[in-house]
Amino acid sequence: MRETSLGNTRALVNAALLAAVYAALTYVTKPISFGAVQFRVSEALCILPVFTVAAVPGLFVGCFLANFLSGAAALDVIFGSLATLLGAYGTYRLRDKGYLAALPPILCNALMIPFVLRYGYGIEGFLPFFVLTVGVGEIIAVGILGNMLRLALLRYGSRLFPEGSIG
């Protein structure tokens, strides 16, 4: 029982730390983290469910806090956080698929956030254009930076996240 509670405590701490890092990175890079053309450096962290399931709730809470504390529209706080949750869960499910683990956050954000831009912020424009701009930002953040982070952590990830799966 003691080992289980230690594992639960470690997972909770990892989730909380990840939430704090995601929120801080988003807040610090606020000028480029929001809008029709956006690049969230913090989205690189969406690859971390490859290493630990604790990253799934951590990323969700971090995104929620980042959006809420940055004064984002209510629809962004709700659906932006939901897109991160779904993407993180998808990454966890694809944790053994290498580079493909980055696809769920890219797709979830590229398909959901354009509607948030239109209906949450009232930004006029062509929805497919928003899919492209958000998608390109996600490809750079998660597909490139996130996978660079994944590759860097492959060697030491089991020490940082001993309860997780390395893939």
C-alpha atoms as a PDB file:
ATOM      1  CA  MET A   1       0.000   0.000   0.000  1.00  0.00           C
ATOM      2  CA  ARG A   2       2.845   2.364   0.801  1.00  0.00           C
ATOM      3  CA  GLU A   3       4.342   2.005  -2.693  1.00  0.00           C
ATOM      4  CA  THR A   4       0.955   2.808  -4.269  1.00  0.00           C
ATOM      5  CA  SER A   5       0.503   5.952  -2.206  1.00  0.00           C
ATOM      6  CA  LEU A   6       4.051   7.056  -3.087  1.00  0.00           C
ATOM      7  CA  GLY A   7       3.232   6.491  -6.773  1.00  0.00           C
ATOM      8  CA  ASN A   8       0.004   8.445  -6.422  1.00  0.00           C
ATOM      9  CA  THR A   9       1.797  11.276  -4.632  1.00  0.00           C
ATOM     10  CA  ARG A  10       4.511  11.373  -7.279  1.00  0.00           C
ATOM     11  CA  ALA A  11       1.914  11.403 -10.078  1.00  0.00           C
ATOM     12  CA  LEU A  12       0.002  14.220  -8.360  1.00  0.00           C
ATOM     13  CA  VAL A  13       3.192  16.249  -7.921  1.00  0.00           C
ATOM     14  CA  ASN A  14       4.169  15.636 -11.558  1.00  0.00           C
ATOM     15  CA  ALA A  15       0.710  16.737 -12.738  1.00  0.00           C
ATOM     16  CA  ALA A  16       0.835  19.876 -10.569  1.00  0.00           C
ATOM     17  CA  LEU A  17       4.353  20.790 -11.712  1.00  0.00           C
ATOM     18  CA  LEU A  18       3.428  20.273 -15.333  1.00  0.00           C
ATOM     19  CA  ALA A  19       0.299  22.418 -14.906  1.00  0.00           C
ATOM     20  CA  ALA A  20       2.427  25.193 -13.408  1.00  0.00           C
ATOM     21  CA  VAL A  21       5.059  25.003 -16.152  1.00  0.00           C
ATOM     22  CA  TYR A  22       2.434  24.976 -18.945  1.00  0.00           C
ATOM     23  CA  ALA A  23       0.584  27.944 -17.428  1.00  0.00           C
ATOM     24  CA  ALA A  24       3.783  29.921 -16.835  1.00  0.00           C
ATOM     25  CA  LEU A  25       5.148  29.283 -20.349  1.00  0.00           C
ATOM     26  CA  THR A  26       1.845  30.336 -21.890  1.00  0.00           C
ATOM     27  CA  TYR A  27       1.573  33.427 -19.730  1.00  0.00           C
ATOM     28  CA  VAL A  28       5.160  34.533 -20.408  1.00  0.00           C
ATOM     29  CA  THR A  29       4.659  34.096 -24.164  1.00  0.00           C
ATOM     30  CA  LYS A  30       1.129  35.552 -24.101  1.00  0.00           C
ATOM     31  CA  PRO A  31       1.587  37.860 -27.127  1.00  0.00           C
ATOM     32  CA  ILE A  32       2.199  34.881 -29.434  1.00  0.00           C
ATOM     33  CA  SER A  33       0.047  32.332 -27.564  1.00  0.00           C
ATOM     34  CA  PHE A  34      -3.353  33.719 -28.524  1.00  0.00           C
ATOM     35  CA  GLY A  35      -5.028  34.881 -31.719  1.00  0.00           C
ATOM     36  CA  ALA A  36      -5.738  33.692 -35.248  1.00  0.00           C
ATOM     37  CA  VAL A  37      -2.024  33.177 -35.830  1.00  0.00           C
ATOM     38  CA  GLN A  38      -0.649  31.652 -32.660  1.00  0.00           C
ATOM     39  CA  PHE A  39       2.340  29.733 -31.446  1.00  0.00           C
ATOM     40  CA  ARG A  40       2.206  28.281 -27.947  1.00  0.00           C
ATOM     41  CA  VAL A  41       5.643  27.199 -26.833  1.00  0.00           C
ATOM     42  CA  SER A  42       3.925  25.420 -23.934  1.00  0.00           C
ATOM     43  CA  GLU A  43       2.230  23.066 -26.398  1.00  0.00           C
ATOM     44  CA  ALA A  44       5.572  21.260 -26.764  1.00  0.00           C
ATOM     45  CA  LEU A  45       4.767  19.791 -23.346  1.00  0.00           C
ATOM     46  CA  CYS A  46       1.790  17.978 -24.893  1.00  0.00           C
ATOM     47  CA  ILE A  47       4.213  15.187 -25.809  1.00  0.00           C
ATOM     48  CA  LEU A  48       4.768  14.332 -22.129  1.00  0.00           C
ATOM     49  CA  PRO A  49       1.864  11.853 -21.855  1.00  0.00           C
ATOM     50  CA  VAL A  50       4.261   9.531 -23.704  1.00  0.00           C
ATOM     51  CA  PHE A  51       6.126   9.303 -20.396  1.00  0.00           C
ATOM     52  CA  THR A  52       3.408   9.581 -17.756  1.00  0.00           C
ATOM     53  CA  VAL A  53      -0.363   9.520 -17.577  1.00  0.00           C
ATOM     54  CA  ALA A  54      -0.071  12.288 -14.955  1.00  0.00           C
ATOM     55  CA  ALA A  55       0.665  14.659 -17.834  1.00  0.00           C
ATOM     56  CA  VAL A  56      -2.918  14.327 -19.102  1.00  0.00           C
ATOM     57  CA  PRO A  57      -4.620  16.108 -16.172  1.00  0.00           C
ATOM     58  CA  GLY A  58      -1.551  18.304 -15.677  1.00  0.00           C
ATOM     59  CA  LEU A  59      -1.746  19.696 -19.201  1.00  0.00           C
ATOM     60  CA  PHE A  60      -5.508  20.190 -18.908  1.00  0.00           C
ATOM     61  CA  VAL A  61      -5.211  22.137 -15.649  1.00  0.00           C
ATOM     62  CA  GLY A  62      -2.241  24.104 -16.990  1.00  0.00           C
ATOM     63  CA  CYS A  63      -4.131  25.119 -20.120  1.00  0.00           C
ATOM     64  CA  PHE A  64      -7.221  26.004 -18.098  1.00  0.00           C
ATOM     65  CA  LEU A  65      -5.173  28.186 -15.745  1.00  0.00           C
ATOM     66  CA  ALA A  66      -3.219  29.805 -18.577  1.00  0.00           C
ATOM     67  CA  ASN A  67      -6.382  30.695 -20.478  1.00  0.00           C
ATOM     68  CA  PHE A  68      -8.276  31.834 -17.389  1.00  0.00           C
ATOM     69  CA  LEU A  69      -5.440  33.930 -15.927  1.00  0.00           C
ATOM     70  CA  SER A  70      -4.664  35.463 -19.318  1.00  0.00           C
ATOM     71  CA  GLY A  71      -8.224  36.771 -19.620  1.00  0.00           C
ATOM     72  CA  ALA A  72      -9.170  34.509 -22.512  1.00  0.00           C
ATOM     73  CA  ALA A  73     -12.762  34.310 -23.692  1.00  0.00           C
ATOM     74  CA  ALA A  74     -14.960  31.877 -21.759  1.00  0.00           C
ATOM     75  CA  LEU A  75     -15.259  29.601 -24.809  1.00  0.00           C
ATOM     76  CA  ASP A  76     -11.448  29.483 -25.018  1.00  0.00           C
ATOM     77  CA  VAL A  77     -11.110  28.636 -21.341  1.00  0.00           C
ATOM     78  CA  ILE A  78     -13.579  25.759 -21.797  1.00  0.00           C
ATOM     79  CA  PHE A  79     -12.945  24.446 -25.301  1.00  0.00           C
ATOM     80  CA  GLY A  80      -9.251  25.325 -25.507  1.00  0.00           C
ATOM     81  CA  SER A  81      -8.691  23.363 -22.305  1.00  0.00           C
ATOM     82  CA  LEU A  82     -10.871  20.541 -23.620  1.00  0.00           C
ATOM     83  CA  ALA A  83      -8.817  20.415 -26.847  1.00  0.00           C
ATOM     84  CA  THR A  84      -5.666  20.087 -24.737  1.00  0.00           C
ATOM     85  CA  LEU A  85      -7.249  17.353 -22.599  1.00  0.00           C
ATOM     86  CA  LEU A  86      -8.359  15.346 -25.649  1.00  0.00           C
ATOM     87  CA  GLY A  87      -5.001  15.833 -27.367  1.00  0.00           C
ATOM     88  CA  ALA A  88      -3.062  14.792 -24.257  1.00  0.00           C
ATOM     89  CA  TYR A  89      -5.214  11.700 -23.808  1.00  0.00           C
ATOM     90  CA  GLY A  90      -4.692  10.811 -27.478  1.00  0.00           C
ATOM     91  CA  THR A  91      -0.942  11.200 -27.035  1.00  0.00           C
ATOM     92  CA  TYR A  92      -1.078   8.899 -24.024  1.00  0.00           C
ATOM     93  CA  ARG A  93      -2.959   6.313 -26.106  1.00  0.00           C
ATOM     94  CA  LEU A  94      -0.328   6.584 -28.884  1.00  0.00           C
ATOM     95  CA  ARG A  95       2.623   6.670 -26.457  1.00  0.00           C
ATOM     96  CA  ASP A  96       4.279   3.667 -28.109  1.00  0.00           C
ATOM     97  CA  LYS A  97       3.994   5.048 -31.654  1.00  0.00           C
ATOM     98  CA  GLY A  98       7.028   7.353 -31.689  1.00  0.00           C
ATOM     99  CA  TYR A  99       6.561  10.547 -33.706  1.00  0.00           C
ATOM    100  CA  LEU A 100       2.870   9.788 -34.273  1.00  0.00           C
ATOM    101  CA  ALA A 101       2.160  10.491 -30.590  1.00  0.00           C
ATOM    102  CA  ALA A 102       2.239  14.196 -31.501  1.00  0.00           C
ATOM    103  CA  LEU A 103      -0.746  13.934 -33.847  1.00  0.00           C
ATOM    104  CA  PRO A 104      -3.657  14.109 -31.347  1.00  0.00           C
ATOM    105  CA  PRO A 105      -2.834  17.569 -29.922  1.00  0.00           C
ATOM    106  CA  ILE A 106      -2.122  18.894 -33.409  1.00  0.00           C
ATOM    107  CA  LEU A 107      -5.441  17.642 -34.762  1.00  0.00           C
ATOM    108  CA  CYS A 108      -7.555  18.523 -31.715  1.00  0.00           C
ATOM    109  CA  ASN A 109      -6.307  22.098 -31.628  1.00  0.00           C
ATOM    110  CA  ALA A 110      -6.357  22.614 -35.396  1.00  0.00           C
ATOM    111  CA  LEU A 111      -9.969  21.418 -35.575  1.00  0.00           C
ATOM    112  CA  MET A 112     -11.398  22.955 -32.382  1.00  0.00           C
ATOM    113  CA  ILE A 113      -9.614  26.281 -31.875  1.00  0.00           C
ATOM    114  CA  PRO A 114     -10.768  27.880 -35.176  1.00  0.00           C
ATOM    115  CA  PHE A 115     -14.345  27.718 -33.854  1.00  0.00           C
ATOM    116  CA  VAL A 116     -13.182  29.301 -30.594  1.00  0.00           C
ATOM    117  CA  LEU A 117     -11.548  32.090 -32.587  1.00  0.00           C
ATOM    118  CA  ARG A 118     -14.732  32.685 -34.565  1.00  0.00           C
ATOM    119  CA  TYR A 119     -17.370  32.324 -31.858  1.00  0.00           C
ATOM    120  CA  GLY A 120     -15.408  33.067 -28.681  1.00  0.00           C
ATOM    121  CA  TYR A 121     -13.497  36.077 -29.960  1.00  0.00           C
ATOM    122  CA  GLY A 122     -15.634  37.073 -32.951  1.00  0.00           C
ATOM    123  CA  ILE A 123     -12.634  37.060 -35.283  1.00  0.00           C
ATOM    124  CA  GLU A 124     -13.877  37.321 -38.827  1.00  0.00           C
ATOM    125  CA  GLY A 125     -12.230  35.156 -41.387  1.00  0.00           C
ATOM    126  CA  PHE A 126     -12.248  31.925 -43.296  1.00  0.00           C
ATOM    127  CA  LEU A 127     -12.397  28.950 -40.908  1.00  0.00           C
ATOM    128  CA  PRO A 128     -10.084  26.799 -43.088  1.00  0.00           C
ATOM    129  CA  PHE A 129      -7.511  29.597 -42.838  1.00  0.00           C
ATOM    130  CA  PHE A 130      -7.718  29.386 -39.030  1.00  0.00           C
ATOM    131  CA  VAL A 131      -7.336  25.598 -39.254  1.00  0.00           C
ATOM    132  CA  LEU A 132      -4.156  26.215 -41.251  1.00  0.00           C
ATOM    133  CA  THR A 133      -2.705  28.897 -38.958  1.00  0.00           C
ATOM    134  CA  VAL A 134      -3.469  27.040 -35.722  1.00  0.00           C
ATOM    135  CA  GLY A 135      -2.378  23.753 -37.289  1.00  0.00           C
ATOM    136  CA  VAL A 136       0.980  25.138 -38.419  1.00  0.00           C
ATOM    137  CA  GLY A 137       1.605  26.531 -34.932  1.00  0.00           C
ATOM    138  CA  GLU A 138       0.775  23.127 -33.435  1.00  0.00           C
ATOM    139  CA  ILE A 139       2.975  21.290 -35.941  1.00  0.00           C
ATOM    140  CA  ILE A 140       5.911  23.492 -34.948  1.00  0.00           C
ATOM    141  CA  ALA A 141       5.181  23.367 -31.188  1.00  0.00           C
ATOM    142  CA  VAL A 142       4.181  19.721 -30.735  1.00  0.00           C
ATOM    143  CA  GLY A 143       5.346  18.020 -33.909  1.00  0.00           C
ATOM    144  CA  ILE A 144       8.824  19.535 -33.936  1.00  0.00           C
ATOM    145  CA  LEU A 145       9.629  20.969 -30.487  1.00  0.00           C
ATOM    146  CA  GLY A 146       7.568  18.330 -28.667  1.00  0.00           C
ATOM    147  CA  ASN A 147       9.227  15.493 -30.518  1.00  0.00           C
ATOM    148  CA  MET A 148      12.642  17.046 -29.841  1.00  0.00           C
ATOM    149  CA  LEU A 149      11.684  17.052 -26.159  1.00  0.00           C
ATOM    150  CA  ARG A 150      10.504  13.418 -26.438  1.00  0.00           C
ATOM    151  CA  LEU A 151      13.807  12.372 -27.986  1.00  0.00           C
ATOM    152  CA  ALA A 152      15.773  14.224 -25.315  1.00  0.00           C
ATOM    153  CA  LEU A 153      13.750  12.551 -22.553  1.00  0.00           C
ATOM    154  CA  LEU A 154      13.967   9.030 -23.964  1.00  0.00           C
ATOM    155  CA  ARG A 155      17.267   8.583 -22.167  1.00  0.00           C
ATOM    156  CA  TYR A 156      16.227  10.010 -18.784  1.00  0.00           C
ATOM    157  CA  GLY A 157      12.449   9.903 -18.856  1.00  0.00           C
ATOM    158  CA  SER A 158      12.241   6.780 -16.712  1.00  0.00           C
ATOM    159  CA  ARG A 159      14.094   8.631 -13.931  1.00  0.00           C
ATOM    160  CA  LEU A 160      11.836  11.669 -14.150  1.00  0.00           C
ATOM    161  CA  PHE A 161       8.640   9.666 -14.590  1.00  0.00           C
ATOM    162  CA  PRO A 162       9.279   6.196 -13.121  1.00  0.00           C
ATOM    163  CA  GLU A 163       5.572   5.326 -13.180  1.00  0.00           C
ATOM    164  CA  GLY A 164       5.250   6.058 -16.901  1.00  0.00           C
ATOM    165  CA  SER A 165       5.724   4.318 -20.206  1.00  0.00           C
ATOM    166  CA  ILE A 166       8.575   5.349 -22.451  1.00  0.00           C
ATOM    167  CA  GLY A 167       7.795   5.225 -26.154  1.00  0.00           C
END
